[in-house]
Amino acid sequence: MPRNSKLLRRYSPLLGLFVILTITYFVGDHPVSTGPAEGTKFSGPPATRQASSDRLMIATFNIDSGKGADGKVDLARTARCLQMPDFVGMNEVHGFLWGEAKNQAETLSNLLHLPYLWVPVEKRWGQETFGNAAFTDLPVTHWQRVVLPSHRFGAKRNYLLTDVLWHGKTVHILTTHTDWKPGGEEQFKIVRDVFLNLPAPAILMGDLNTPASSELIKGLKATPGVEEAVDQIYDTIPSRVDWIFLRGLHTKDAAPVNLKASDHPAYWASVVLK
């Protein structure tokens, strides 16, 4: 028998095992969508806050999994970027991590002292591994997680619509993280249209991966009744891709907060009813 045939027979079981393990790894590690969901409350202690102020403090922050400019993951530093918010939308929040007992949303909830909602976009190995989060101590009447279309092997995306009560009004808050890759423009248009069709007061905020120079951003800013909060206070920041759009609300103050806690600044706004 030729030498090559003997070697093939000898090592074929190992080769077969290698093929099985390789397929198992790629199937298990391939992200799949978490699908839609809805509910009527956030996790953690029940909200008891009284709406004593006439200003609503909101913030959006892509936390890059808590990794700062120094390469270190420090969720306490992440939380320090957010001072006394009423509602926070976060992007790029990790869920299940090897060796971690809880997801980052729960950890940040304890640091911010706010009830939270973990909004995963993908699963790997059967675990919810990555996505977004929202935090608020305002009364939540309903929330809905909606899947956005994505390319077959692209990142998974969704948006969260949260209805909160504030001074006897229902404020509709849409938080999301749209893609910068092919398919992101379609996702942007979907969340834009949802936002524009919500009853006022309504808010759209998140990492939209779309700069100020984009016709999509220019068009939304030019829509009657729409206001972009940070632009009301600051000159346009050309590199900015995190936005806070308002309808039925007006900006009193806003600012970026950059403590090098992420590759994005946090952005907050103080708004009032029109």
C-alpha atoms as a PDB file:
ATOM      1  CA  MET A   1       0.000   0.000   0.000  1.00  0.00           C
ATOM      2  CA  PRO A   2       1.405   3.452  -0.893  1.00  0.00           C
ATOM      3  CA  ARG A   3       2.823   5.415   2.018  1.00  0.00           C
ATOM      4  CA  ASN A   4       0.401   8.322   1.458  1.00  0.00           C
ATOM      5  CA  SER A   5      -2.591   5.997   1.726  1.00  0.00           C
ATOM      6  CA  LYS A   6      -1.344   4.600   5.029  1.00  0.00           C
ATOM      7  CA  LEU A   7      -0.879   8.123   6.418  1.00  0.00           C
ATOM      8  CA  LEU A   8      -4.353   9.096   5.279  1.00  0.00           C
ATOM      9  CA  ARG A   9      -5.913   6.069   7.000  1.00  0.00           C
ATOM     10  CA  ARG A  10      -3.944   6.729  10.153  1.00  0.00           C
ATOM     11  CA  TYR A  11      -4.880  10.388  10.450  1.00  0.00           C
ATOM     12  CA  SER A  12      -8.375  10.402   8.917  1.00  0.00           C
ATOM     13  CA  PRO A  13     -10.119  10.169  12.356  1.00  0.00           C
ATOM     14  CA  LEU A  14      -8.163  13.239  13.507  1.00  0.00           C
ATOM     15  CA  LEU A  15      -8.976  15.038  10.289  1.00  0.00           C
ATOM     16  CA  GLY A  16     -12.665  14.230  10.698  1.00  0.00           C
ATOM     17  CA  LEU A  17     -12.606  15.485  14.296  1.00  0.00           C
ATOM     18  CA  PHE A  18     -10.895  18.691  13.176  1.00  0.00           C
ATOM     19  CA  VAL A  19     -13.572  19.288  10.524  1.00  0.00           C
ATOM     20  CA  ILE A  20     -16.383  18.673  13.046  1.00  0.00           C
ATOM     21  CA  LEU A  21     -14.822  21.023  15.615  1.00  0.00           C
ATOM     22  CA  THR A  22     -14.261  23.707  12.982  1.00  0.00           C
ATOM     23  CA  ILE A  23     -17.871  23.555  11.800  1.00  0.00           C
ATOM     24  CA  THR A  24     -19.136  23.571  15.393  1.00  0.00           C
ATOM     25  CA  TYR A  25     -17.047  26.645  16.186  1.00  0.00           C
ATOM     26  CA  PHE A  26     -18.198  28.656  13.179  1.00  0.00           C
ATOM     27  CA  VAL A  27     -21.853  27.723  13.698  1.00  0.00           C
ATOM     28  CA  GLY A  28     -21.755  28.462  17.436  1.00  0.00           C
ATOM     29  CA  ASP A  29     -19.788  31.676  17.082  1.00  0.00           C
ATOM     30  CA  HIS A  30     -21.894  33.019  14.221  1.00  0.00           C
ATOM     31  CA  PRO A  31     -24.196  35.774  15.586  1.00  0.00           C
ATOM     32  CA  VAL A  32     -27.938  35.237  15.246  1.00  0.00           C
ATOM     33  CA  SER A  33     -30.667  37.771  15.925  1.00  0.00           C
ATOM     34  CA  THR A  34     -32.351  37.800  19.324  1.00  0.00           C
ATOM     35  CA  GLY A  35     -35.679  38.639  17.672  1.00  0.00           C
ATOM     36  CA  PRO A  36     -38.417  41.002  18.862  1.00  0.00           C
ATOM     37  CA  ALA A  37     -39.696  41.454  22.412  1.00  0.00           C
ATOM     38  CA  GLU A  38     -41.884  43.786  24.467  1.00  0.00           C
ATOM     39  CA  GLY A  39     -42.872  44.470  28.036  1.00  0.00           C
ATOM     40  CA  THR A  40     -44.084  47.027  30.561  1.00  0.00           C
ATOM     41  CA  LYS A  41     -41.230  47.438  33.028  1.00  0.00           C
ATOM     42  CA  PHE A  42     -37.461  47.617  33.395  1.00  0.00           C
ATOM     43  CA  SER A  43     -35.355  45.411  35.663  1.00  0.00           C
ATOM     44  CA  GLY A  44     -34.050  46.438  39.040  1.00  0.00           C
ATOM     45  CA  PRO A  45     -35.817  48.415  41.778  1.00  0.00           C
ATOM     46  CA  PRO A  46     -39.163  49.896  40.747  1.00  0.00           C
ATOM     47  CA  ALA A  47     -39.082  53.526  39.641  1.00  0.00           C
ATOM     48  CA  THR A  48     -40.132  55.901  42.417  1.00  0.00           C
ATOM     49  CA  ARG A  49     -38.891  59.207  41.015  1.00  0.00           C
ATOM     50  CA  GLN A  50     -41.204  62.187  41.107  1.00  0.00           C
ATOM     51  CA  ALA A  51     -41.053  64.500  38.074  1.00  0.00           C
ATOM     52  CA  SER A  52     -40.277  67.617  40.116  1.00  0.00           C
ATOM     53  CA  SER A  53     -38.199  69.372  37.442  1.00  0.00           C
ATOM     54  CA  ASP A  54     -39.622  70.939  34.311  1.00  0.00           C
ATOM     55  CA  ARG A  55     -36.524  69.732  32.438  1.00  0.00           C
ATOM     56  CA  LEU A  56     -36.056  66.214  31.125  1.00  0.00           C
ATOM     57  CA  MET A  57     -32.426  65.051  31.210  1.00  0.00           C
ATOM     58  CA  ILE A  58     -31.605  62.552  28.458  1.00  0.00           C
ATOM     59  CA  ALA A  59     -28.325  61.055  27.249  1.00  0.00           C
ATOM     60  CA  THR A  60     -26.927  58.744  24.599  1.00  0.00           C
ATOM     61  CA  PHE A  61     -23.600  56.919  24.854  1.00  0.00           C
ATOM     62  CA  ASN A  62     -21.834  54.328  22.730  1.00  0.00           C
ATOM     63  CA  ILE A  63     -19.709  52.809  25.485  1.00  0.00           C
ATOM     64  CA  ASP A  64     -17.550  50.490  23.289  1.00  0.00           C
ATOM     65  CA  SER A  65     -18.076  47.719  25.866  1.00  0.00           C
ATOM     66  CA  GLY A  66     -16.665  50.000  28.577  1.00  0.00           C
ATOM     67  CA  LYS A  67     -13.202  50.097  26.994  1.00  0.00           C
ATOM     68  CA  GLY A  68     -11.480  53.455  27.323  1.00  0.00           C
ATOM     69  CA  ALA A  69      -8.728  55.144  25.344  1.00  0.00           C
ATOM     70  CA  ASP A  70      -6.208  53.364  27.587  1.00  0.00           C
ATOM     71  CA  GLY A  71      -7.556  49.981  26.468  1.00  0.00           C
ATOM     72  CA  LYS A  72      -8.934  49.174  29.928  1.00  0.00           C
ATOM     73  CA  VAL A  73     -12.541  48.178  30.616  1.00  0.00           C
ATOM     74  CA  ASP A  74     -13.797  50.378  33.459  1.00  0.00           C
ATOM     75  CA  LEU A  75     -17.573  50.591  33.839  1.00  0.00           C
ATOM     76  CA  ALA A  76     -17.248  52.930  36.818  1.00  0.00           C
ATOM     77  CA  ARG A  77     -15.562  55.404  34.473  1.00  0.00           C
ATOM     78  CA  THR A  78     -18.371  54.820  31.966  1.00  0.00           C
ATOM     79  CA  ALA A  79     -20.940  55.711  34.615  1.00  0.00           C
ATOM     80  CA  ARG A  80     -19.068  58.889  35.591  1.00  0.00           C
ATOM     81  CA  CYS A  81     -19.808  60.308  32.139  1.00  0.00           C
ATOM     82  CA  LEU A  82     -23.511  60.414  33.009  1.00  0.00           C
ATOM     83  CA  GLN A  83     -24.653  62.768  35.767  1.00  0.00           C
ATOM     84  CA  MET A  84     -28.252  62.604  37.026  1.00  0.00           C
ATOM     85  CA  PRO A  85     -29.976  61.556  33.790  1.00  0.00           C
ATOM     86  CA  ASP A  86     -33.679  60.746  33.606  1.00  0.00           C
ATOM     87  CA  PHE A  87     -33.201  58.443  30.603  1.00  0.00           C
ATOM     88  CA  VAL A  88     -30.034  56.990  29.064  1.00  0.00           C
ATOM     89  CA  GLY A  89     -29.715  54.993  25.847  1.00  0.00           C
ATOM     90  CA  MET A  90     -26.480  53.001  25.466  1.00  0.00           C
ATOM     91  CA  ASN A  91     -24.881  51.220  22.524  1.00  0.00           C
ATOM     92  CA  GLU A  92     -22.268  48.447  22.312  1.00  0.00           C
ATOM     93  CA  VAL A  93     -23.075  46.880  25.662  1.00  0.00           C
ATOM     94  CA  HIS A  94     -21.824  43.355  26.346  1.00  0.00           C
ATOM     95  CA  GLY A  95     -24.106  40.666  27.659  1.00  0.00           C
ATOM     96  CA  PHE A  96     -22.743  37.261  28.566  1.00  0.00           C
ATOM     97  CA  LEU A  97     -18.950  37.213  28.893  1.00  0.00           C
ATOM     98  CA  TRP A  98     -16.858  34.217  29.854  1.00  0.00           C
ATOM     99  CA  GLY A  99     -16.230  34.394  33.579  1.00  0.00           C
ATOM    100  CA  GLU A 100     -18.801  37.157  34.157  1.00  0.00           C
ATOM    101  CA  ALA A 101     -21.887  36.468  36.246  1.00  0.00           C
ATOM    102  CA  LYS A 102     -23.973  39.312  34.820  1.00  0.00           C
ATOM    103  CA  ASN A 103     -24.175  41.536  31.776  1.00  0.00           C
ATOM    104  CA  GLN A 104     -22.792  45.060  31.642  1.00  0.00           C
ATOM    105  CA  ALA A 105     -26.264  46.596  31.684  1.00  0.00           C
ATOM    106  CA  GLU A 106     -26.918  45.172  35.139  1.00  0.00           C
ATOM    107  CA  THR A 107     -23.539  46.366  36.415  1.00  0.00           C
ATOM    108  CA  LEU A 108     -24.146  49.871  35.055  1.00  0.00           C
ATOM    109  CA  SER A 109     -27.631  49.903  36.557  1.00  0.00           C
ATOM    110  CA  ASN A 110     -26.084  49.475  39.995  1.00  0.00           C
ATOM    111  CA  LEU A 111     -23.525  52.213  39.298  1.00  0.00           C
ATOM    112  CA  LEU A 112     -26.094  54.666  37.921  1.00  0.00           C
ATOM    113  CA  HIS A 113     -28.776  53.723  40.480  1.00  0.00           C
ATOM    114  CA  LEU A 114     -31.311  53.411  37.664  1.00  0.00           C
ATOM    115  CA  PRO A 115     -33.607  50.580  36.576  1.00  0.00           C
ATOM    116  CA  TYR A 116     -32.384  49.080  33.328  1.00  0.00           C
ATOM    117  CA  LEU A 117     -33.425  47.178  30.241  1.00  0.00           C
ATOM    118  CA  TRP A 118     -30.893  44.963  28.479  1.00  0.00           C
ATOM    119  CA  VAL A 119     -31.602  45.132  24.728  1.00  0.00           C
ATOM    120  CA  PRO A 120     -29.497  42.390  23.090  1.00  0.00           C
ATOM    121  CA  VAL A 121     -29.187  42.276  19.319  1.00  0.00           C
ATOM    122  CA  GLU A 122     -27.355  38.980  18.903  1.00  0.00           C
ATOM    123  CA  LYS A 123     -26.743  35.555  20.377  1.00  0.00           C
ATOM    124  CA  ARG A 124     -23.620  33.407  20.170  1.00  0.00           C
ATOM    125  CA  TRP A 125     -23.427  29.885  21.587  1.00  0.00           C
ATOM    126  CA  GLY A 126     -27.013  30.311  22.747  1.00  0.00           C
ATOM    127  CA  GLN A 127     -26.144  33.317  24.933  1.00  0.00           C
ATOM    128  CA  GLU A 128     -27.172  36.961  24.518  1.00  0.00           C
ATOM    129  CA  THR A 129     -23.772  38.480  23.935  1.00  0.00           C
ATOM    130  CA  PHE A 130     -24.000  42.015  22.577  1.00  0.00           C
ATOM    131  CA  GLY A 131     -26.413  44.884  22.060  1.00  0.00           C
ATOM    132  CA  ASN A 132     -27.832  48.005  23.635  1.00  0.00           C
ATOM    133  CA  ALA A 133     -29.325  49.067  26.951  1.00  0.00           C
ATOM    134  CA  ALA A 134     -31.629  51.701  28.386  1.00  0.00           C
ATOM    135  CA  PHE A 135     -31.836  53.143  31.904  1.00  0.00           C
ATOM    136  CA  THR A 136     -34.528  55.280  33.499  1.00  0.00           C
ATOM    137  CA  ASP A 137     -36.191  55.992  36.805  1.00  0.00           C
ATOM    138  CA  LEU A 138     -39.262  57.459  35.088  1.00  0.00           C
ATOM    139  CA  PRO A 139     -42.384  55.266  35.069  1.00  0.00           C
ATOM    140  CA  VAL A 140     -42.311  52.966  32.011  1.00  0.00           C
ATOM    141  CA  THR A 141     -45.690  52.085  30.521  1.00  0.00           C
ATOM    142  CA  HIS A 142     -44.455  50.004  27.589  1.00  0.00           C
ATOM    143  CA  TRP A 143     -41.310  49.049  25.685  1.00  0.00           C
ATOM    144  CA  GLN A 144     -40.827  47.256  22.393  1.00  0.00           C
ATOM    145  CA  ARG A 145     -37.688  45.785  20.820  1.00  0.00           C
ATOM    146  CA  VAL A 146     -37.872  45.644  17.015  1.00  0.00           C
ATOM    147  CA  VAL A 147     -35.389  43.882  14.727  1.00  0.00           C
ATOM    148  CA  LEU A 148     -33.856  45.926  11.906  1.00  0.00           C
ATOM    149  CA  PRO A 149     -32.926  44.243   8.613  1.00  0.00           C
ATOM    150  CA  SER A 150     -29.251  43.296   8.292  1.00  0.00           C
ATOM    151  CA  HIS A 151     -27.068  41.549   5.762  1.00  0.00           C
ATOM    152  CA  ARG A 152     -26.755  37.795   6.152  1.00  0.00           C
ATOM    153  CA  PHE A 153     -23.254  37.933   7.613  1.00  0.00           C
ATOM    154  CA  GLY A 154     -23.467  41.504   8.892  1.00  0.00           C
ATOM    155  CA  ALA A 155     -23.886  42.864  12.404  1.00  0.00           C
ATOM    156  CA  LYS A 156     -27.345  42.458  13.907  1.00  0.00           C
ATOM    157  CA  ARG A 157     -29.284  45.606  14.756  1.00  0.00           C
ATOM    158  CA  ASN A 158     -32.559  46.606  16.421  1.00  0.00           C
ATOM    159  CA  TYR A 159     -34.306  49.596  17.921  1.00  0.00           C
ATOM    160  CA  LEU A 160     -36.035  50.097  21.246  1.00  0.00           C
ATOM    161  CA  LEU A 161     -39.173  52.174  21.653  1.00  0.00           C
ATOM    162  CA  THR A 162     -39.854  53.108  25.280  1.00  0.00           C
ATOM    163  CA  ASP A 163     -42.910  54.993  26.518  1.00  0.00           C
ATOM    164  CA  VAL A 164     -42.335  56.881  29.781  1.00  0.00           C
ATOM    165  CA  LEU A 165     -44.536  59.185  31.837  1.00  0.00           C
ATOM    166  CA  TRP A 166     -43.266  62.669  32.557  1.00  0.00           C
ATOM    167  CA  HIS A 167     -45.434  65.490  33.939  1.00  0.00           C
ATOM    168  CA  GLY A 168     -48.598  63.696  32.872  1.00  0.00           C
ATOM    169  CA  LYS A 169     -47.326  63.252  29.298  1.00  0.00           C
ATOM    170  CA  THR A 170     -46.257  60.080  27.517  1.00  0.00           C
ATOM    171  CA  VAL A 171     -42.823  60.656  25.996  1.00  0.00           C
ATOM    172  CA  HIS A 172     -41.900  58.198  23.229  1.00  0.00           C
ATOM    173  CA  ILE A 173     -38.144  57.499  23.237  1.00  0.00           C
ATOM    174  CA  LEU A 174     -36.579  55.658  20.315  1.00  0.00           C
ATOM    175  CA  THR A 175     -33.012  54.413  20.910  1.00  0.00           C
ATOM    176  CA  THR A 176     -30.925  52.560  18.358  1.00  0.00           C
ATOM    177  CA  HIS A 177     -27.520  51.816  16.834  1.00  0.00           C
ATOM    178  CA  THR A 178     -27.565  51.663  13.044  1.00  0.00           C
ATOM    179  CA  ASP A 179     -24.753  50.214  10.931  1.00  0.00           C
ATOM    180  CA  TRP A 180     -22.023  52.059   9.011  1.00  0.00           C
ATOM    181  CA  LYS A 181     -21.704  49.145   6.594  1.00  0.00           C
ATOM    182  CA  PRO A 182     -24.024  48.307   3.666  1.00  0.00           C
ATOM    183  CA  GLY A 183     -27.583  48.197   4.971  1.00  0.00           C
ATOM    184  CA  GLY A 184     -27.085  51.016   7.456  1.00  0.00           C
ATOM    185  CA  GLU A 185     -28.845  53.577   5.285  1.00  0.00           C
ATOM    186  CA  GLU A 186     -31.946  51.374   5.130  1.00  0.00           C
ATOM    187  CA  GLN A 187     -31.871  51.002   8.920  1.00  0.00           C
ATOM    188  CA  PHE A 188     -31.546  54.781   9.345  1.00  0.00           C
ATOM    189  CA  LYS A 189     -34.561  55.412   7.118  1.00  0.00           C
ATOM    190  CA  ILE A 190     -36.660  52.908   9.075  1.00  0.00           C
ATOM    191  CA  VAL A 191     -35.958  54.473  12.498  1.00  0.00           C
ATOM    192  CA  ARG A 192     -36.310  57.979  11.030  1.00  0.00           C
ATOM    193  CA  ASP A 193     -39.768  57.163   9.680  1.00  0.00           C
ATOM    194  CA  VAL A 194     -40.835  55.541  12.965  1.00  0.00           C
ATOM    195  CA  PHE A 195     -39.670  58.660  14.825  1.00  0.00           C
ATOM    196  CA  LEU A 196     -41.476  61.049  12.487  1.00  0.00           C
ATOM    197  CA  ASN A 197     -44.733  59.110  12.837  1.00  0.00           C
ATOM    198  CA  LEU A 198     -44.708  58.882  16.650  1.00  0.00           C
ATOM    199  CA  PRO A 199     -47.049  61.165  18.584  1.00  0.00           C
ATOM    200  CA  ALA A 200     -45.157  64.115  20.074  1.00  0.00           C
ATOM    201  CA  PRO A 201     -43.313  64.463  22.353  1.00  0.00           C
ATOM    202  CA  ALA A 202     -40.846  62.020  20.814  1.00  0.00           C
ATOM    203  CA  ILE A 203     -37.087  61.485  20.903  1.00  0.00           C
ATOM    204  CA  LEU A 204     -34.718  59.624  18.558  1.00  0.00           C
ATOM    205  CA  MET A 205     -31.215  59.104  19.850  1.00  0.00           C
ATOM    206  CA  GLY A 206     -28.239  56.814  19.485  1.00  0.00           C
ATOM    207  CA  ASP A 207     -25.202  56.044  17.388  1.00  0.00           C
ATOM    208  CA  LEU A 208     -26.631  56.449  13.892  1.00  0.00           C
ATOM    209  CA  ASN A 209     -23.204  56.016  12.256  1.00  0.00           C
ATOM    210  CA  THR A 210     -24.100  58.953  10.011  1.00  0.00           C
ATOM    211  CA  PRO A 211     -22.115  62.238  10.016  1.00  0.00           C
ATOM    212  CA  ALA A 212     -23.475  65.767   9.779  1.00  0.00           C
ATOM    213  CA  SER A 213     -22.453  65.930   6.113  1.00  0.00           C
ATOM    214  CA  SER A 214     -24.888  63.132   5.200  1.00  0.00           C
ATOM    215  CA  GLU A 215     -28.022  64.051   3.281  1.00  0.00           C
ATOM    216  CA  LEU A 216     -29.936  61.787   5.688  1.00  0.00           C
ATOM    217  CA  ILE A 217     -28.946  63.929   8.675  1.00  0.00           C
ATOM    218  CA  LYS A 218     -29.451  67.175   6.784  1.00  0.00           C
ATOM    219  CA  GLY A 219     -32.905  66.054   5.681  1.00  0.00           C
ATOM    220  CA  LEU A 220     -33.981  65.059   9.188  1.00  0.00           C
ATOM    221  CA  LYS A 221     -32.724  68.343  10.652  1.00  0.00           C
ATOM    222  CA  ALA A 222     -34.680  70.253   8.003  1.00  0.00           C
ATOM    223  CA  THR A 223     -37.942  68.424   8.727  1.00  0.00           C
ATOM    224  CA  PRO A 224     -40.545  70.838  10.189  1.00  0.00           C
ATOM    225  CA  GLY A 225     -40.971  70.323  13.926  1.00  0.00           C
ATOM    226  CA  VAL A 226     -37.664  68.437  14.340  1.00  0.00           C
ATOM    227  CA  GLU A 227     -34.809  69.769  16.479  1.00  0.00           C
ATOM    228  CA  GLU A 228     -31.350  68.254  17.060  1.00  0.00           C
ATOM    229  CA  ALA A 229     -30.493  68.938  20.680  1.00  0.00           C
ATOM    230  CA  VAL A 230     -26.704  69.223  20.677  1.00  0.00           C
ATOM    231  CA  ASP A 231     -26.665  71.463  17.594  1.00  0.00           C
ATOM    232  CA  GLN A 232     -28.857  73.957  19.453  1.00  0.00           C
ATOM    233  CA  ILE A 233     -25.988  74.646  21.862  1.00  0.00           C
ATOM    234  CA  TYR A 234     -22.819  73.673  19.996  1.00  0.00           C
ATOM    235  CA  ASP A 235     -21.539  74.377  16.515  1.00  0.00           C
ATOM    236  CA  THR A 236     -21.759  71.316  14.277  1.00  0.00           C
ATOM    237  CA  ILE A 237     -19.148  68.701  15.206  1.00  0.00           C
ATOM    238  CA  PRO A 238     -18.144  67.224  11.803  1.00  0.00           C
ATOM    239  CA  SER A 239     -17.083  63.820  13.134  1.00  0.00           C
ATOM    240  CA  ARG A 240     -20.143  63.302  15.312  1.00  0.00           C
ATOM    241  CA  VAL A 241     -22.318  60.255  14.608  1.00  0.00           C
ATOM    242  CA  ASP A 242     -24.298  60.183  17.893  1.00  0.00           C
ATOM    243  CA  TRP A 243     -27.486  62.234  17.698  1.00  0.00           C
ATOM    244  CA  ILE A 244     -30.432  63.406  19.816  1.00  0.00           C
ATOM    245  CA  PHE A 245     -33.453  64.421  17.708  1.00  0.00           C
ATOM    246  CA  LEU A 246     -36.567  65.922  19.283  1.00  0.00           C
ATOM    247  CA  ARG A 247     -40.201  66.516  18.349  1.00  0.00           C
ATOM    248  CA  GLY A 248     -42.544  68.408  20.658  1.00  0.00           C
ATOM    249  CA  LEU A 249     -39.577  69.229  22.897  1.00  0.00           C
ATOM    250  CA  HIS A 250     -37.076  72.086  22.995  1.00  0.00           C
ATOM    251  CA  THR A 251     -33.440  72.076  24.107  1.00  0.00           C
ATOM    252  CA  LYS A 252     -32.400  74.186  27.078  1.00  0.00           C
ATOM    253  CA  ASP A 253     -28.866  72.843  27.407  1.00  0.00           C
ATOM    254  CA  ALA A 254     -26.699  70.093  25.930  1.00  0.00           C
ATOM    255  CA  ALA A 255     -23.062  69.001  25.809  1.00  0.00           C
ATOM    256  CA  PRO A 256     -20.653  66.209  24.980  1.00  0.00           C
ATOM    257  CA  VAL A 257     -18.829  64.524  27.878  1.00  0.00           C
ATOM    258  CA  ASN A 258     -15.477  62.980  27.000  1.00  0.00           C
ATOM    259  CA  LEU A 259     -13.620  61.320  29.853  1.00  0.00           C
ATOM    260  CA  LYS A 260     -11.846  58.960  27.410  1.00  0.00           C
ATOM    261  CA  ALA A 261     -14.141  56.209  28.682  1.00  0.00           C
ATOM    262  CA  SER A 262     -14.962  55.071  25.131  1.00  0.00           C
ATOM    263  CA  ASP A 263     -14.110  55.799  21.513  1.00  0.00           C
ATOM    264  CA  HIS A 264     -17.258  57.992  21.538  1.00  0.00           C
ATOM    265  CA  PRO A 265     -18.151  60.885  23.842  1.00  0.00           C
ATOM    266  CA  ALA A 266     -21.385  60.707  25.799  1.00  0.00           C
ATOM    267  CA  TYR A 267     -23.964  63.321  24.768  1.00  0.00           C
ATOM    268  CA  TRP A 268     -26.629  64.712  27.075  1.00  0.00           C
ATOM    269  CA  ALA A 269     -29.428  67.226  26.688  1.00  0.00           C
ATOM    270  CA  SER A 270     -31.800  69.044  29.005  1.00  0.00           C
ATOM    271  CA  VAL A 271     -35.148  69.527  27.269  1.00  0.00           C
ATOM    272  CA  VAL A 272     -38.573  70.962  28.014  1.00  0.00           C
ATOM    273  CA  LEU A 273     -42.002  70.536  26.515  1.00  0.00           C
ATOM    274  CA  LYS A 274     -42.792  72.965  23.717  1.00  0.00           C
END
